[in-house]
Amino acid sequence: MRGEIQKISERQKKDGTTYWVLRIDGQQYLIWDEKLMEGLQEGDFVEFEFKRKGNFNTITKIKKTLSYDERHVQIVRMSCLRSACEIVTTAGFMNTEKKAEVALKMAKKFEDYILGEPTV
């Protein structure tokens, strides 16, 4: 499953065992393993697996992932870089480092244009 962590609450059982309650897209899930919590914070987009135990959903695996917007930007960047590289490879008079530098600058201009932030 995938979703956004909306809230994290740290709790303790009567015996002192710490666990966490995560609200992900409106649903509550428990995490009992402190290692699974490392690096997670509210607002993170995650991909996870869980098991139903009684009335509770217990997360067994979880990792951060990109939000839709971040993924969209990543795809745009890759496309712009590929297009810029195709253009620059035809410029035989530049060395490899110069081609890479020009391709990155060109890709950034393409990206800015596509995402609605045109540069001069």
Protein backbone atom coordinates (compact mmCIF):
# COMPACT_ATOMS: atom_id res chain seq x y z
CA MET A 1 0.00 0.00 0.00
CA ARG A 2 1.02 3.61 -0.41
CA GLY A 3 0.08 6.78 1.39
CA GLU A 4 1.04 9.90 3.30
CA ILE A 5 1.86 9.81 7.00
CA GLN A 6 -0.53 12.32 8.50
CA LYS A 7 0.24 11.77 12.18
CA ILE A 8 2.70 9.82 14.32
CA SER A 9 2.02 9.13 18.00
CA GLU A 10 4.47 7.38 20.30
CA ARG A 11 2.83 5.24 22.95
CA GLN A 12 3.80 2.77 25.67
CA LYS A 13 2.20 -0.40 26.92
CA LYS A 14 1.85 -0.95 30.66
CA ASP A 15 5.01 -3.07 30.61
CA GLY A 16 6.99 -0.13 29.14
CA THR A 17 7.16 -1.44 25.56
CA THR A 18 7.17 1.46 23.10
CA TYR A 19 5.10 1.37 19.94
CA TRP A 20 3.93 3.93 17.41
CA VAL A 21 0.54 4.69 15.92
CA LEU A 22 0.67 6.08 12.39
CA ARG A 23 -2.27 7.64 10.62
CA ILE A 24 -1.73 7.04 6.90
CA ASP A 25 -4.41 8.40 4.56
CA GLY A 26 -6.99 8.32 7.34
CA GLN A 27 -6.27 4.76 8.53
CA GLN A 28 -4.43 3.78 11.73
CA TYR A 29 -1.49 1.40 11.72
CA LEU A 30 0.82 0.21 14.49
CA ILE A 31 4.59 -0.17 14.39
CA TRP A 32 6.29 -2.24 17.09
CA ASP A 33 9.81 -2.29 15.63
CA GLU A 34 11.82 0.87 16.37
CA LYS A 35 14.01 0.22 13.30
CA LEU A 36 10.98 0.63 11.03
CA MET A 37 10.45 4.13 12.47
CA GLU A 38 13.95 5.39 11.64
CA GLY A 39 13.76 8.50 9.47
CA LEU A 40 9.97 8.62 9.25
CA GLN A 41 8.10 11.83 9.96
CA GLU A 42 4.70 13.35 9.40
CA GLY A 43 4.21 14.37 5.77
CA ASP A 44 6.36 11.56 4.36
CA PHE A 45 4.96 9.49 1.52
CA VAL A 46 5.49 5.80 2.17
CA GLU A 47 5.03 2.37 0.67
CA PHE A 48 4.23 -0.30 3.26
CA GLU A 49 2.94 -3.76 4.04
CA PHE A 50 0.86 -4.68 7.06
CA LYS A 51 -0.81 -7.62 8.72
CA ARG A 52 -4.16 -7.55 10.41
CA LYS A 53 -3.89 -8.77 14.02
CA GLY A 54 -7.23 -8.73 15.77
CA ASN A 55 -8.59 -5.19 15.50
CA PHE A 56 -5.19 -3.72 14.59
CA ASN A 57 -3.18 -3.23 11.41
CA THR A 58 0.50 -3.83 12.19
CA ILE A 59 3.06 -2.54 9.68
CA THR A 60 5.67 -5.17 8.80
CA LYS A 61 7.61 -3.24 6.12
CA ILE A 62 7.75 0.48 5.34
CA LYS A 63 9.90 2.75 3.20
CA LYS A 64 9.76 6.35 2.08
CA THR A 65 8.71 7.01 -1.49
CA LEU A 66 8.14 10.03 -3.68
CA SER A 67 4.86 11.88 -3.72
CA TYR A 68 3.00 12.16 -7.00
CA ASP A 69 4.35 15.69 -7.51
CA GLU A 70 7.93 14.66 -6.74
CA ARG A 71 7.65 11.68 -9.07
CA HIS A 72 6.23 13.90 -11.81
CA VAL A 73 9.15 16.33 -11.48
CA GLN A 74 11.61 13.43 -11.55
CA ILE A 75 10.09 12.14 -14.81
CA VAL A 76 10.19 15.62 -16.36
CA ARG A 77 13.85 16.01 -15.35
CA MET A 78 14.83 12.66 -16.85
CA SER A 79 13.05 13.50 -20.09
CA CYS A 80 14.66 16.94 -20.30
CA LEU A 81 18.11 15.52 -19.61
CA ARG A 82 17.68 12.87 -22.28
CA SER A 83 16.57 15.47 -24.83
CA ALA A 84 19.46 17.78 -23.95
CA CYS A 85 21.96 14.91 -24.20
CA GLU A 86 20.65 13.98 -27.65
CA ILE A 87 21.15 17.55 -28.83
CA VAL A 88 24.60 17.95 -27.27
CA THR A 89 25.97 14.66 -28.59
CA THR A 90 25.81 16.07 -32.11
CA ALA A 91 28.24 18.85 -31.10
CA GLY A 92 31.46 17.04 -31.92
CA PHE A 93 33.72 20.02 -31.18
CA MET A 94 33.28 19.85 -27.36
CA ASN A 95 35.06 17.55 -24.96
CA THR A 96 33.01 15.19 -22.77
CA GLU A 97 33.07 17.40 -19.65
CA LYS A 98 31.92 20.43 -21.61
CA LYS A 99 29.14 18.40 -23.24
CA ALA A 100 27.93 17.26 -19.81
CA GLU A 101 27.98 20.82 -18.49
CA VAL A 102 26.06 22.16 -21.50
CA ALA A 103 23.57 19.27 -21.36
CA LEU A 104 22.78 19.93 -17.69
CA LYS A 105 22.25 23.67 -18.29
CA MET A 106 20.07 22.95 -21.30
CA ALA A 107 18.06 20.32 -19.41
CA LYS A 108 17.43 22.82 -16.59
CA LYS A 109 16.10 25.36 -19.10
CA PHE A 110 13.82 22.71 -20.64
CA GLU A 111 12.61 21.71 -17.16
CA ASP A 112 11.89 25.31 -16.16
CA TYR A 113 9.94 25.83 -19.36
CA ILE A 114 7.88 22.66 -18.97
CA LEU A 115 7.11 23.28 -15.30
CA GLY A 116 6.05 26.86 -16.00
CA GLU A 117 9.09 28.67 -14.60
CA PRO A 118 10.70 30.01 -17.78
CA THR A 119 14.17 31.47 -17.52
CA VAL A 120 15.79 33.91 -19.87
